[in-house]
Amino acid sequence: MTEEKKTVKKTAAKTTKKAAPAKTTAKKAAADVKLSNATYATGKRKDSVARVYLVAGKGQIIVNGIPMAEYFRRPVLQMIIAQPFGITKRETAYDVHAIVMGGGLSGQAGAVKHGISKALEKAEPDLRKTLKAAGFLTRDSRVVERKHFGRHKARRSTQFSKR
């Protein structure tokens, strides 16, 4: 009898494992249908990478499945993300779906801004001059320097002792 119970538990566990991925693929399929006609661009800043999808819409910005105001609570970060739309006067023309990974919130906001700028330039090539003049199409390549051997930090050395 104990063997029968074990096999029943194993088969039940196998069926539940198979059911879980089916739900996630259904969500992915629904998201793919919505973003099938989107303009795609990748934005980078520090250690953050943002995949940005630009769709014609009402100006809604969603980051990692959460509205921008909830994901980036600081008004400065929200302002940074909205800059490309403000300079091109396209605040309510597009919806943004961004997937951001790595780094902190400041780097992620910069990555989303860079991705939005690149996607806007792809969608409307006439905006390139405006975005380029503002410096939004250039990737900010400043990254934290690595820690070196024998040092406290990247450049900080040990305290000098005369005796």
N, C-alpha and C. Protein backbone atom coordinates (compact mmCIF):
# COMPACT_ATOMS: atom_id res chain seq x y z
N MET A 1 0.81 -1.20 0.00
CA MET A 1 0.00 0.00 0.00
C MET A 1 0.85 1.26 0.00
N THR A 2 1.95 1.23 0.68
CA THR A 2 2.80 2.43 0.73
C THR A 2 3.35 2.75 -0.66
N GLU A 3 3.63 1.70 -1.44
CA GLU A 3 4.13 1.93 -2.81
C GLU A 3 3.05 2.58 -3.67
N GLU A 4 1.82 2.18 -3.51
CA GLU A 4 0.72 2.76 -4.29
C GLU A 4 0.55 4.25 -3.94
N LYS A 5 0.66 4.58 -2.66
CA LYS A 5 0.54 5.98 -2.25
C LYS A 5 1.66 6.82 -2.84
N LYS A 6 2.89 6.27 -2.87
CA LYS A 6 4.02 7.00 -3.42
C LYS A 6 3.83 7.26 -4.90
N THR A 7 3.35 6.26 -5.63
CA THR A 7 3.16 6.46 -7.07
C THR A 7 2.04 7.46 -7.35
N VAL A 8 1.00 7.43 -6.52
CA VAL A 8 -0.09 8.40 -6.68
C VAL A 8 0.43 9.81 -6.43
N LYS A 9 1.25 9.99 -5.39
CA LYS A 9 1.82 11.29 -5.09
C LYS A 9 2.73 11.77 -6.21
N LYS A 10 3.54 10.87 -6.78
CA LYS A 10 4.44 11.24 -7.87
C LYS A 10 3.67 11.69 -9.10
N THR A 11 2.62 10.94 -9.45
CA THR A 11 1.84 11.32 -10.63
C THR A 11 1.10 12.63 -10.40
N ALA A 12 0.63 12.84 -9.17
CA ALA A 12 -0.05 14.11 -8.87
C ALA A 12 0.94 15.27 -8.95
N ALA A 13 2.16 15.06 -8.48
CA ALA A 13 3.19 16.11 -8.55
C ALA A 13 3.55 16.41 -10.00
N LYS A 14 3.63 15.39 -10.83
CA LYS A 14 3.96 15.59 -12.25
C LYS A 14 2.87 16.39 -12.96
N THR A 15 1.63 16.10 -12.67
CA THR A 15 0.55 16.82 -13.34
C THR A 15 0.50 18.28 -12.90
N THR A 16 0.79 18.56 -11.63
CA THR A 16 0.77 19.95 -11.18
C THR A 16 1.93 20.72 -11.77
N LYS A 17 3.07 20.08 -11.94
CA LYS A 17 4.21 20.76 -12.55
C LYS A 17 3.92 21.11 -14.00
N LYS A 18 3.24 20.26 -14.71
CA LYS A 18 2.94 20.51 -16.11
C LYS A 18 1.89 21.61 -16.26
N ALA A 19 1.00 21.73 -15.31
CA ALA A 19 -0.08 22.72 -15.40
C ALA A 19 0.45 24.14 -15.19
N ALA A 20 1.47 24.31 -14.35
CA ALA A 20 1.98 25.64 -14.05
C ALA A 20 2.59 26.34 -15.27
N PRO A 21 3.46 25.68 -16.07
CA PRO A 21 4.01 26.36 -17.23
C PRO A 21 2.95 26.72 -18.28
N ALA A 22 1.87 25.98 -18.35
CA ALA A 22 0.83 26.28 -19.33
C ALA A 22 0.21 27.65 -19.05
N LYS A 23 0.05 28.00 -17.78
CA LYS A 23 -0.50 29.30 -17.42
C LYS A 23 0.44 30.42 -17.83
N THR A 24 1.74 30.23 -17.61
CA THR A 24 2.69 31.28 -17.96
C THR A 24 2.78 31.46 -19.47
N THR A 25 2.67 30.37 -20.23
CA THR A 25 2.71 30.51 -21.69
C THR A 25 1.46 31.22 -22.19
N ALA A 26 0.33 31.03 -21.52
CA ALA A 26 -0.88 31.74 -21.91
C ALA A 26 -0.72 33.24 -21.69
N LYS A 27 -0.08 33.62 -20.57
CA LYS A 27 0.19 35.03 -20.31
C LYS A 27 1.14 35.59 -21.36
N LYS A 28 2.19 34.82 -21.68
CA LYS A 28 3.15 35.26 -22.69
C LYS A 28 2.48 35.44 -24.04
N ALA A 29 1.60 34.51 -24.40
CA ALA A 29 0.92 34.59 -25.68
C ALA A 29 0.04 35.84 -25.76
N ALA A 30 -0.64 36.15 -24.66
CA ALA A 30 -1.47 37.36 -24.63
C ALA A 30 -0.62 38.62 -24.75
N ALA A 31 0.56 38.62 -24.10
CA ALA A 31 1.46 39.77 -24.18
C ALA A 31 2.05 39.90 -25.58
N ASP A 32 2.38 38.76 -26.22
CA ASP A 32 2.95 38.80 -27.56
C ASP A 32 1.97 39.33 -28.59
N VAL A 33 0.70 39.01 -28.43
CA VAL A 33 -0.31 39.50 -29.37
C VAL A 33 -0.40 41.02 -29.26
N LYS A 34 -0.35 41.52 -28.03
CA LYS A 34 -0.45 42.96 -27.80
C LYS A 34 0.78 43.70 -28.36
N LEU A 35 1.97 43.09 -28.25
CA LEU A 35 3.21 43.74 -28.65
C LEU A 35 3.72 43.29 -30.02
N SER A 36 2.87 42.62 -30.79
CA SER A 36 3.34 42.11 -32.08
C SER A 36 3.66 43.22 -33.07
N ASN A 37 2.95 44.35 -33.00
CA ASN A 37 3.21 45.45 -33.92
C ASN A 37 3.97 46.59 -33.24
N ALA A 38 4.74 46.27 -32.19
CA ALA A 38 5.46 47.28 -31.42
C ALA A 38 6.84 47.54 -32.02
N THR A 39 7.36 48.72 -31.72
CA THR A 39 8.74 49.05 -32.07
C THR A 39 9.61 48.69 -30.88
N TYR A 40 10.67 47.93 -31.13
CA TYR A 40 11.51 47.41 -30.05
C TYR A 40 12.88 48.09 -30.05
N ALA A 41 13.39 48.36 -28.85
CA ALA A 41 14.74 48.89 -28.71
C ALA A 41 15.30 48.48 -27.35
N THR A 42 16.61 48.42 -27.26
CA THR A 42 17.28 48.07 -26.02
C THR A 42 18.01 49.30 -25.50
N GLY A 43 17.80 49.62 -24.23
CA GLY A 43 18.48 50.75 -23.61
C GLY A 43 19.39 50.25 -22.50
N LYS A 44 20.53 50.93 -22.32
CA LYS A 44 21.48 50.51 -21.29
C LYS A 44 21.99 51.73 -20.52
N ARG A 45 22.24 51.50 -19.21
CA ARG A 45 22.81 52.53 -18.35
C ARG A 45 23.42 51.83 -17.15
N LYS A 46 24.67 52.11 -16.83
CA LYS A 46 25.41 51.43 -15.76
C LYS A 46 25.30 49.92 -15.97
N ASP A 47 24.78 49.20 -14.98
CA ASP A 47 24.64 47.74 -15.13
C ASP A 47 23.22 47.33 -15.50
N SER A 48 22.36 48.28 -15.83
CA SER A 48 20.96 48.00 -16.14
C SER A 48 20.74 47.86 -17.64
N VAL A 49 19.86 46.95 -18.00
CA VAL A 49 19.48 46.75 -19.39
C VAL A 49 17.96 46.76 -19.47
N ALA A 50 17.42 47.56 -20.39
CA ALA A 50 15.96 47.68 -20.54
C ALA A 50 15.56 47.26 -21.95
N ARG A 51 14.57 46.37 -22.01
CA ARG A 51 13.96 46.03 -23.31
C ARG A 51 12.67 46.83 -23.39
N VAL A 52 12.58 47.70 -24.38
CA VAL A 52 11.47 48.65 -24.47
C VAL A 52 10.64 48.36 -25.72
N TYR A 53 9.33 48.24 -25.53
CA TYR A 53 8.38 48.05 -26.62
C TYR A 53 7.50 49.29 -26.69
N LEU A 54 7.46 49.93 -27.85
CA LEU A 54 6.69 51.16 -28.06
C LEU A 54 5.50 50.84 -28.94
N VAL A 55 4.28 51.12 -28.43
CA VAL A 55 3.05 50.83 -29.16
C VAL A 55 2.22 52.11 -29.20
N ALA A 56 1.55 52.35 -30.31
CA ALA A 56 0.66 53.52 -30.39
C ALA A 56 -0.41 53.40 -29.31
N GLY A 57 -0.62 54.47 -28.55
CA GLY A 57 -1.57 54.38 -27.45
C GLY A 57 -1.87 55.74 -26.83
N LYS A 58 -2.03 55.73 -25.49
CA LYS A 58 -2.47 56.93 -24.78
C LYS A 58 -1.41 57.52 -23.86
N GLY A 59 -0.19 57.00 -23.86
CA GLY A 59 0.86 57.55 -23.02
C GLY A 59 1.09 56.79 -21.73
N GLN A 60 0.62 55.55 -21.66
CA GLN A 60 0.77 54.74 -20.46
C GLN A 60 2.15 54.07 -20.48
N ILE A 61 2.87 54.12 -19.36
CA ILE A 61 4.20 53.50 -19.26
C ILE A 61 4.15 52.40 -18.21
N ILE A 62 4.48 51.17 -18.62
CA ILE A 62 4.47 50.02 -17.73
C ILE A 62 5.88 49.44 -17.67
N VAL A 63 6.41 49.29 -16.45
CA VAL A 63 7.76 48.77 -16.25
C VAL A 63 7.66 47.48 -15.45
N ASN A 64 8.13 46.39 -16.02
CA ASN A 64 8.08 45.07 -15.38
C ASN A 64 6.67 44.71 -14.93
N GLY A 65 5.67 45.06 -15.72
CA GLY A 65 4.29 44.73 -15.43
C GLY A 65 3.62 45.63 -14.40
N ILE A 66 4.31 46.68 -13.96
CA ILE A 66 3.78 47.60 -12.95
C ILE A 66 3.76 49.00 -13.55
N PRO A 67 2.75 49.81 -13.26
CA PRO A 67 2.75 51.20 -13.76
C PRO A 67 4.00 51.95 -13.28
N MET A 68 4.48 52.85 -14.12
CA MET A 68 5.73 53.56 -13.84
C MET A 68 5.71 54.28 -12.49
N ALA A 69 4.58 54.89 -12.12
CA ALA A 69 4.49 55.65 -10.87
C ALA A 69 4.67 54.76 -9.64
N GLU A 70 4.34 53.49 -9.75
CA GLU A 70 4.52 52.56 -8.64
C GLU A 70 5.92 51.97 -8.63
N TYR A 71 6.48 51.69 -9.81
CA TYR A 71 7.82 51.08 -9.88
C TYR A 71 8.89 52.11 -9.53
N PHE A 72 8.82 53.29 -10.16
CA PHE A 72 9.74 54.39 -9.86
C PHE A 72 8.97 55.42 -9.03
N ARG A 73 9.06 55.34 -7.71
CA ARG A 73 8.27 56.20 -6.83
C ARG A 73 8.83 57.62 -6.75
N ARG A 74 10.13 57.79 -6.95
CA ARG A 74 10.73 59.12 -6.86
C ARG A 74 10.36 59.94 -8.10
N PRO A 75 9.89 61.17 -7.91
CA PRO A 75 9.48 62.00 -9.05
C PRO A 75 10.62 62.29 -10.02
N VAL A 76 11.85 62.33 -9.52
CA VAL A 76 13.00 62.59 -10.39
C VAL A 76 13.15 61.47 -11.42
N LEU A 77 12.98 60.23 -10.98
CA LEU A 77 13.11 59.09 -11.89
C LEU A 77 11.97 59.08 -12.91
N GLN A 78 10.77 59.45 -12.48
CA GLN A 78 9.63 59.54 -13.41
C GLN A 78 9.87 60.63 -14.45
N MET A 79 10.47 61.73 -14.01
CA MET A 79 10.78 62.82 -14.93
C MET A 79 11.83 62.39 -15.96
N ILE A 80 12.83 61.63 -15.51
CA ILE A 80 13.88 61.15 -16.41
C ILE A 80 13.28 60.29 -17.51
N ILE A 81 12.36 59.41 -17.15
CA ILE A 81 11.75 58.51 -18.13
C ILE A 81 10.88 59.28 -19.12
N ALA A 82 10.23 60.34 -18.66
CA ALA A 82 9.32 61.11 -19.52
C ALA A 82 10.04 62.11 -20.43
N GLN A 83 11.33 62.34 -20.23
CA GLN A 83 12.07 63.34 -21.00
C GLN A 83 12.01 63.14 -22.52
N PRO A 84 12.22 61.93 -23.06
CA PRO A 84 12.16 61.79 -24.52
C PRO A 84 10.81 62.18 -25.11
N PHE A 85 9.73 61.88 -24.39
CA PHE A 85 8.40 62.25 -24.88
C PHE A 85 8.19 63.76 -24.80
N GLY A 86 8.69 64.38 -23.74
CA GLY A 86 8.53 65.81 -23.56
C GLY A 86 9.26 66.62 -24.62
N ILE A 87 10.48 66.20 -24.94
CA ILE A 87 11.27 66.96 -25.91
C ILE A 87 10.75 66.80 -27.33
N THR A 88 10.10 65.67 -27.62
CA THR A 88 9.56 65.43 -28.96
C THR A 88 8.07 65.74 -29.05
N LYS A 89 7.46 66.14 -27.92
CA LYS A 89 6.02 66.47 -27.84
C LYS A 89 5.15 65.28 -28.26
N ARG A 90 5.45 64.11 -27.71
CA ARG A 90 4.70 62.89 -27.99
C ARG A 90 4.21 62.24 -26.68
N GLU A 91 3.79 63.05 -25.69
CA GLU A 91 3.43 62.54 -24.37
C GLU A 91 2.29 61.52 -24.42
N THR A 92 1.30 61.75 -25.27
CA THR A 92 0.14 60.86 -25.30
C THR A 92 0.05 60.06 -26.59
N ALA A 93 1.13 59.95 -27.32
CA ALA A 93 1.10 59.26 -28.61
C ALA A 93 1.41 57.77 -28.50
N TYR A 94 2.20 57.37 -27.49
CA TYR A 94 2.66 55.99 -27.41
C TYR A 94 2.48 55.41 -26.02
N ASP A 95 2.26 54.09 -25.97
CA ASP A 95 2.32 53.33 -24.72
C ASP A 95 3.67 52.63 -24.69
N VAL A 96 4.25 52.50 -23.49
CA VAL A 96 5.56 51.87 -23.34
C VAL A 96 5.43 50.65 -22.44
N HIS A 97 5.99 49.54 -22.88
CA HIS A 97 6.11 48.32 -22.07
C HIS A 97 7.60 48.03 -21.97
N ALA A 98 8.15 48.15 -20.75
CA ALA A 98 9.58 47.97 -20.55
C ALA A 98 9.85 46.82 -19.59
N ILE A 99 10.90 46.07 -19.89
CA ILE A 99 11.37 45.00 -19.01
C ILE A 99 12.80 45.37 -18.65
N VAL A 100 13.03 45.62 -17.36
CA VAL A 100 14.33 46.10 -16.90
C VAL A 100 14.96 45.10 -15.96
N MET A 101 16.28 44.90 -16.12
CA MET A 101 17.01 43.99 -15.25
C MET A 101 18.35 44.61 -14.88
N GLY A 102 18.82 44.30 -13.67
CA GLY A 102 20.15 44.70 -13.23
C GLY A 102 20.24 46.11 -12.71
N GLY A 103 21.26 46.34 -11.88
CA GLY A 103 21.53 47.67 -11.37
C GLY A 103 20.50 48.14 -10.36
N GLY A 104 20.55 49.44 -10.07
CA GLY A 104 19.62 50.06 -9.13
C GLY A 104 18.55 50.84 -9.87
N LEU A 105 17.73 51.53 -9.12
CA LEU A 105 16.60 52.25 -9.72
C LEU A 105 17.06 53.39 -10.63
N SER A 106 18.11 54.10 -10.24
CA SER A 106 18.59 55.21 -11.05
C SER A 106 19.11 54.72 -12.40
N GLY A 107 19.89 53.65 -12.38
CA GLY A 107 20.40 53.07 -13.62
C GLY A 107 19.28 52.51 -14.48
N GLN A 108 18.28 51.92 -13.84
CA GLN A 108 17.15 51.36 -14.58
C GLN A 108 16.35 52.47 -15.25
N ALA A 109 16.17 53.59 -14.56
CA ALA A 109 15.44 54.72 -15.16
C ALA A 109 16.21 55.25 -16.37
N GLY A 110 17.52 55.34 -16.26
CA GLY A 110 18.34 55.78 -17.38
C GLY A 110 18.29 54.81 -18.55
N ALA A 111 18.24 53.51 -18.25
CA ALA A 111 18.16 52.50 -19.30
C ALA A 111 16.83 52.58 -20.03
N VAL A 112 15.73 52.78 -19.28
CA VAL A 112 14.41 52.90 -19.91
C VAL A 112 14.36 54.15 -20.79
N LYS A 113 14.94 55.24 -20.30
CA LYS A 113 14.99 56.49 -21.08
C LYS A 113 15.75 56.28 -22.38
N HIS A 114 16.89 55.61 -22.31
CA HIS A 114 17.69 55.33 -23.50
C HIS A 114 16.93 54.43 -24.47
N GLY A 115 16.24 53.42 -23.95
CA GLY A 115 15.45 52.53 -24.79
C GLY A 115 14.28 53.23 -25.46
N ILE A 116 13.59 54.10 -24.72
CA ILE A 116 12.47 54.86 -25.28
C ILE A 116 12.97 55.76 -26.41
N SER A 117 14.11 56.41 -26.19
CA SER A 117 14.67 57.30 -27.21
C SER A 117 15.01 56.55 -28.48
N LYS A 118 15.62 55.38 -28.33
CA LYS A 118 15.98 54.58 -29.51
C LYS A 118 14.74 54.07 -30.24
N ALA A 119 13.72 53.67 -29.46
CA ALA A 119 12.49 53.18 -30.08
C ALA A 119 11.74 54.31 -30.79
N LEU A 120 11.73 55.50 -30.20
CA LEU A 120 11.10 56.66 -30.85
C LEU A 120 11.81 56.97 -32.18
N GLU A 121 13.12 56.87 -32.16
CA GLU A 121 13.89 57.16 -33.37
C GLU A 121 13.60 56.12 -34.46
N LYS A 122 13.40 54.87 -34.06
CA LYS A 122 13.03 53.83 -35.03
C LYS A 122 11.62 54.04 -35.58
N ALA A 123 10.70 54.43 -34.69
CA ALA A 123 9.31 54.61 -35.10
C ALA A 123 9.15 55.84 -36.00
N GLU A 124 9.83 56.92 -35.64
CA GLU A 124 9.76 58.16 -36.42
C GLU A 124 11.17 58.68 -36.66
N PRO A 125 11.78 58.35 -37.79
CA PRO A 125 13.17 58.76 -38.07
C PRO A 125 13.37 60.28 -38.08
N ASP A 126 12.31 61.05 -38.27
CA ASP A 126 12.43 62.51 -38.27
C ASP A 126 12.82 63.06 -36.89
N LEU A 127 12.57 62.29 -35.84
CA LEU A 127 12.88 62.75 -34.48
C LEU A 127 14.35 62.57 -34.11
N ARG A 128 15.12 61.93 -34.97
CA ARG A 128 16.52 61.64 -34.65
C ARG A 128 17.31 62.90 -34.31
N LYS A 129 17.13 63.96 -35.08
CA LYS A 129 17.89 65.20 -34.88
C LYS A 129 17.60 65.78 -33.49
N THR A 130 16.34 65.81 -33.10
CA THR A 130 15.95 66.35 -31.80
C THR A 130 16.51 65.51 -30.65
N LEU A 131 16.38 64.18 -30.76
CA LEU A 131 16.85 63.28 -29.71
C LEU A 131 18.37 63.28 -29.62
N LYS A 132 19.05 63.35 -30.75
CA LYS A 132 20.51 63.35 -30.78
C LYS A 132 21.06 64.64 -30.16
N ALA A 133 20.42 65.78 -30.47
CA ALA A 133 20.86 67.07 -29.92
C ALA A 133 20.72 67.09 -28.40
N ALA A 134 19.69 66.43 -27.87
CA ALA A 134 19.49 66.37 -26.42
C ALA A 134 20.41 65.36 -25.75
N GLY A 135 21.05 64.49 -26.53
CA GLY A 135 21.98 63.49 -25.99
C GLY A 135 21.30 62.24 -25.49
N PHE A 136 20.08 61.98 -25.95
CA PHE A 136 19.33 60.81 -25.47
C PHE A 136 19.67 59.52 -26.21
N LEU A 137 20.29 59.61 -27.38
CA LEU A 137 20.61 58.41 -28.15
C LEU A 137 22.00 57.87 -27.81
N THR A 138 22.78 58.63 -27.04
CA THR A 138 24.12 58.20 -26.66
C THR A 138 24.05 57.41 -25.38
N ARG A 139 24.69 56.24 -25.37
CA ARG A 139 24.70 55.40 -24.17
C ARG A 139 25.71 55.97 -23.19
N ASP A 140 25.27 56.19 -21.94
CA ASP A 140 26.17 56.69 -20.90
C ASP A 140 27.00 55.50 -20.42
N SER A 141 28.28 55.49 -20.79
CA SER A 141 29.11 54.30 -20.58
C SER A 141 29.78 54.25 -19.21
N ARG A 142 29.47 55.17 -18.32
CA ARG A 142 30.12 55.15 -17.01
C ARG A 142 29.62 53.95 -16.19
N VAL A 143 30.56 53.13 -15.77
CA VAL A 143 30.25 51.93 -14.99
C VAL A 143 31.17 51.94 -13.78
N VAL A 144 30.75 51.36 -12.68
CA VAL A 144 31.56 51.29 -11.48
C VAL A 144 32.82 50.47 -11.76
N GLU A 145 33.97 51.02 -11.34
CA GLU A 145 35.23 50.33 -11.54
C GLU A 145 35.34 49.14 -10.60
N ARG A 146 35.98 48.08 -11.03
CA ARG A 146 36.08 46.88 -10.21
C ARG A 146 37.08 47.08 -9.08
N LYS A 147 36.94 46.28 -8.03
CA LYS A 147 37.86 46.33 -6.91
C LYS A 147 39.17 45.65 -7.32
N HIS A 148 40.30 46.28 -6.97
CA HIS A 148 41.60 45.72 -7.31
C HIS A 148 42.24 45.03 -6.12
N PHE A 149 43.09 44.06 -6.40
CA PHE A 149 43.75 43.27 -5.36
C PHE A 149 44.68 44.17 -4.53
N GLY A 150 44.66 44.00 -3.22
CA GLY A 150 45.55 44.76 -2.34
C GLY A 150 45.04 46.15 -2.01
N ARG A 151 43.85 46.48 -2.46
CA ARG A 151 43.26 47.79 -2.20
C ARG A 151 41.96 47.60 -1.41
N HIS A 152 41.54 48.67 -0.72
CA HIS A 152 40.29 48.59 0.02
C HIS A 152 39.09 48.63 -0.92
N LYS A 153 39.17 49.53 -1.90
CA LYS A 153 38.12 49.64 -2.91
C LYS A 153 38.80 49.61 -4.27
N ALA A 154 38.25 50.30 -5.26
CA ALA A 154 38.87 50.29 -6.58
C ALA A 154 40.22 51.02 -6.57
N ARG A 155 40.28 52.18 -5.89
CA ARG A 155 41.51 52.96 -5.87
C ARG A 155 42.03 53.28 -4.47
N ARG A 156 41.19 53.12 -3.47
CA ARG A 156 41.57 53.45 -2.09
C ARG A 156 42.61 52.47 -1.60
N SER A 157 43.80 52.98 -1.21
CA SER A 157 44.85 52.11 -0.70
C SER A 157 44.82 52.08 0.82
N THR A 158 45.71 51.28 1.40
CA THR A 158 45.77 51.17 2.85
C THR A 158 46.35 52.46 3.45
N GLN A 159 46.05 52.73 4.71
CA GLN A 159 46.54 53.95 5.37
C GLN A 159 48.04 53.83 5.62
N PHE A 160 48.77 54.91 5.31
CA PHE A 160 50.21 54.91 5.47
C PHE A 160 50.60 54.98 6.96
N SER A 161 51.54 54.17 7.38
CA SER A 161 52.01 54.18 8.75
C SER A 161 53.52 54.37 8.73
N LYS A 162 53.98 55.47 9.35
CA LYS A 162 55.42 55.76 9.32
C LYS A 162 56.18 54.80 10.25
N ARG A 163 55.55 54.43 11.35
CA ARG A 163 56.20 53.51 12.30
C ARG A 163 55.37 52.28 12.53
